[in-house]
Amino acid sequence: MTQITKDTVIGDILDMDESTAPFFLEMGMHCLGCPASRGESVEEACQVHGVDADELVRKINAHLAGK
């Protein structure tokens, strides 16, 4: 299982497991189909949306580990 980091690109995360989409939607990132948002790193998206990147990475990794 690949570990997600703050440098991981959002499109790569979604391609790996689409069930991670709600974590991004929850933080207000409703443009997941947009090429620009898919090319952002987790850290870049979190900065724009005012979300703690470390917290989001922990949540996504816990979700993926539980599958």
N, C-alpha and C. Protein backbone atom coordinates (compact mmCIF):
# COMPACT_ATOMS: atom_id res chain seq x y z
N MET A 1 0.85 -1.18 0.00
CA MET A 1 0.00 0.00 0.00
C MET A 1 0.89 1.24 0.00
N THR A 2 0.61 2.13 -0.89
CA THR A 2 1.35 3.39 -0.98
C THR A 2 0.88 4.35 0.10
N GLN A 3 1.84 5.01 0.74
CA GLN A 3 1.51 6.03 1.73
C GLN A 3 1.36 7.37 1.02
N ILE A 4 0.31 8.08 1.35
CA ILE A 4 0.08 9.42 0.82
C ILE A 4 0.93 10.39 1.64
N THR A 5 1.51 11.39 0.98
CA THR A 5 2.24 12.45 1.67
C THR A 5 1.66 13.79 1.23
N LYS A 6 2.16 14.86 1.83
CA LYS A 6 1.70 16.20 1.44
C LYS A 6 2.11 16.52 0.01
N ASP A 7 3.12 15.83 -0.51
CA ASP A 7 3.60 16.07 -1.87
C ASP A 7 2.87 15.24 -2.92
N THR A 8 2.04 14.32 -2.49
CA THR A 8 1.33 13.46 -3.43
C THR A 8 0.33 14.30 -4.23
N VAL A 9 0.26 14.06 -5.52
CA VAL A 9 -0.65 14.79 -6.40
C VAL A 9 -2.06 14.21 -6.25
N ILE A 10 -3.03 15.10 -6.16
CA ILE A 10 -4.41 14.69 -5.91
C ILE A 10 -4.93 13.75 -6.99
N GLY A 11 -4.61 14.02 -8.23
CA GLY A 11 -5.05 13.12 -9.31
C GLY A 11 -4.53 11.71 -9.13
N ASP A 12 -3.30 11.57 -8.64
CA ASP A 12 -2.73 10.25 -8.39
C ASP A 12 -3.49 9.53 -7.28
N ILE A 13 -3.88 10.28 -6.25
CA ILE A 13 -4.64 9.68 -5.14
C ILE A 13 -5.99 9.19 -5.65
N LEU A 14 -6.69 10.02 -6.41
CA LEU A 14 -8.01 9.65 -6.93
C LEU A 14 -7.92 8.49 -7.90
N ASP A 15 -6.86 8.45 -8.72
CA ASP A 15 -6.69 7.34 -9.65
C ASP A 15 -6.41 6.03 -8.90
N MET A 16 -5.69 6.15 -7.78
CA MET A 16 -5.36 4.97 -6.98
C MET A 16 -6.62 4.43 -6.28
N ASP A 17 -7.45 5.34 -5.77
CA ASP A 17 -8.64 4.91 -5.03
C ASP A 17 -9.67 6.04 -5.03
N GLU A 18 -10.71 5.88 -5.84
CA GLU A 18 -11.74 6.91 -5.96
C GLU A 18 -12.51 7.14 -4.67
N SER A 19 -12.45 6.19 -3.75
CA SER A 19 -13.20 6.35 -2.49
C SER A 19 -12.58 7.43 -1.60
N THR A 20 -11.45 8.01 -2.03
CA THR A 20 -10.85 9.11 -1.27
C THR A 20 -11.49 10.45 -1.62
N ALA A 21 -12.28 10.52 -2.67
CA ALA A 21 -12.89 11.78 -3.12
C ALA A 21 -13.64 12.51 -2.01
N PRO A 22 -14.43 11.84 -1.16
CA PRO A 22 -15.15 12.57 -0.12
C PRO A 22 -14.25 13.36 0.83
N PHE A 23 -13.02 12.94 1.02
CA PHE A 23 -12.11 13.69 1.89
C PHE A 23 -11.80 15.06 1.29
N PHE A 24 -11.69 15.11 -0.02
CA PHE A 24 -11.42 16.38 -0.70
C PHE A 24 -12.69 17.23 -0.77
N LEU A 25 -13.81 16.59 -1.02
CA LEU A 25 -15.08 17.32 -1.07
C LEU A 25 -15.39 17.94 0.30
N GLU A 26 -15.10 17.19 1.35
CA GLU A 26 -15.33 17.64 2.73
C GLU A 26 -14.57 18.93 3.04
N MET A 27 -13.40 19.12 2.44
CA MET A 27 -12.61 20.31 2.72
C MET A 27 -12.97 21.47 1.81
N GLY A 28 -14.00 21.28 0.97
CA GLY A 28 -14.46 22.35 0.10
C GLY A 28 -13.88 22.32 -1.29
N MET A 29 -13.19 21.24 -1.61
CA MET A 29 -12.59 21.11 -2.94
C MET A 29 -13.57 20.39 -3.85
N HIS A 30 -14.47 21.16 -4.44
CA HIS A 30 -15.56 20.57 -5.23
C HIS A 30 -15.24 20.48 -6.72
N CYS A 31 -14.03 20.80 -7.09
CA CYS A 31 -13.64 20.81 -8.51
C CYS A 31 -12.70 19.65 -8.83
N LEU A 32 -12.99 18.48 -8.33
CA LEU A 32 -12.07 17.34 -8.48
C LEU A 32 -11.88 16.89 -9.93
N GLY A 33 -12.84 17.17 -10.79
CA GLY A 33 -12.71 16.78 -12.18
C GLY A 33 -11.88 17.77 -12.99
N CYS A 34 -11.60 18.91 -12.43
CA CYS A 34 -10.86 19.97 -13.12
C CYS A 34 -9.38 19.58 -13.21
N PRO A 35 -8.78 19.68 -14.39
CA PRO A 35 -7.36 19.31 -14.54
C PRO A 35 -6.43 20.07 -13.60
N ALA A 36 -6.73 21.32 -13.33
CA ALA A 36 -5.87 22.11 -12.44
C ALA A 36 -5.86 21.53 -11.03
N SER A 37 -7.03 21.17 -10.52
CA SER A 37 -7.09 20.64 -9.15
C SER A 37 -6.46 19.25 -9.07
N ARG A 38 -6.61 18.46 -10.10
CA ARG A 38 -6.02 17.11 -10.11
C ARG A 38 -4.50 17.17 -10.15
N GLY A 39 -3.94 18.28 -10.61
CA GLY A 39 -2.50 18.42 -10.71
C GLY A 39 -1.85 19.02 -9.47
N GLU A 40 -2.66 19.44 -8.50
CA GLU A 40 -2.13 20.03 -7.27
C GLU A 40 -1.69 18.94 -6.30
N SER A 41 -0.70 19.27 -5.49
CA SER A 41 -0.33 18.37 -4.40
C SER A 41 -1.34 18.57 -3.27
N VAL A 42 -1.37 17.63 -2.35
CA VAL A 42 -2.23 17.74 -1.19
C VAL A 42 -1.93 19.04 -0.44
N GLU A 43 -0.65 19.33 -0.28
CA GLU A 43 -0.26 20.53 0.46
C GLU A 43 -0.74 21.81 -0.23
N GLU A 44 -0.61 21.87 -1.55
CA GLU A 44 -1.06 23.05 -2.30
C GLU A 44 -2.56 23.25 -2.15
N ALA A 45 -3.33 22.18 -2.30
CA ALA A 45 -4.78 22.27 -2.19
C ALA A 45 -5.19 22.69 -0.78
N CYS A 46 -4.52 22.15 0.22
CA CYS A 46 -4.85 22.48 1.60
C CYS A 46 -4.56 23.95 1.90
N GLN A 47 -3.49 24.47 1.35
CA GLN A 47 -3.17 25.89 1.55
C GLN A 47 -4.27 26.77 0.98
N VAL A 48 -4.74 26.45 -0.21
CA VAL A 48 -5.78 27.23 -0.88
C VAL A 48 -7.09 27.17 -0.09
N HIS A 49 -7.38 26.01 0.48
CA HIS A 49 -8.67 25.81 1.15
C HIS A 49 -8.59 25.98 2.67
N GLY A 50 -7.43 26.36 3.19
CA GLY A 50 -7.30 26.61 4.62
C GLY A 50 -7.45 25.37 5.48
N VAL A 51 -6.93 24.25 5.00
CA VAL A 51 -7.05 22.97 5.70
C VAL A 51 -5.66 22.50 6.13
N ASP A 52 -5.58 21.82 7.26
CA ASP A 52 -4.33 21.27 7.76
C ASP A 52 -3.94 20.05 6.91
N ALA A 53 -2.87 20.18 6.15
CA ALA A 53 -2.44 19.11 5.23
C ALA A 53 -2.06 17.84 5.99
N ASP A 54 -1.41 17.98 7.15
CA ASP A 54 -1.01 16.80 7.91
C ASP A 54 -2.24 16.00 8.36
N GLU A 55 -3.27 16.72 8.77
CA GLU A 55 -4.52 16.08 9.21
C GLU A 55 -5.17 15.33 8.05
N LEU A 56 -5.24 15.96 6.89
CA LEU A 56 -5.84 15.31 5.73
C LEU A 56 -5.05 14.08 5.32
N VAL A 57 -3.74 14.17 5.32
CA VAL A 57 -2.89 13.02 4.98
C VAL A 57 -3.14 11.87 5.95
N ARG A 58 -3.25 12.19 7.24
CA ARG A 58 -3.53 11.14 8.24
C ARG A 58 -4.88 10.46 7.96
N LYS A 59 -5.90 11.27 7.67
CA LYS A 59 -7.23 10.72 7.40
C LYS A 59 -7.23 9.81 6.17
N ILE A 60 -6.59 10.27 5.11
CA ILE A 60 -6.59 9.47 3.87
C ILE A 60 -5.79 8.19 4.07
N ASN A 61 -4.63 8.28 4.72
CA ASN A 61 -3.83 7.06 4.96
C ASN A 61 -4.58 6.08 5.85
N ALA A 62 -5.29 6.56 6.86
CA ALA A 62 -6.08 5.68 7.74
C ALA A 62 -7.19 5.01 6.92
N HIS A 63 -7.83 5.77 6.06
CA HIS A 63 -8.89 5.23 5.21
C HIS A 63 -8.34 4.12 4.30
N LEU A 64 -7.21 4.41 3.67
CA LEU A 64 -6.61 3.42 2.75
C LEU A 64 -6.12 2.19 3.50
N ALA A 65 -5.59 2.37 4.70
CA ALA A 65 -5.10 1.23 5.48
C ALA A 65 -6.24 0.34 5.94
N GLY A 66 -7.42 0.92 6.11
CA GLY A 66 -8.58 0.16 6.57
C GLY A 66 -9.28 -0.62 5.48
N LYS A 67 -8.82 -0.52 4.27
CA LYS A 67 -9.47 -1.21 3.15
C LYS A 67 -8.92 -2.61 2.97
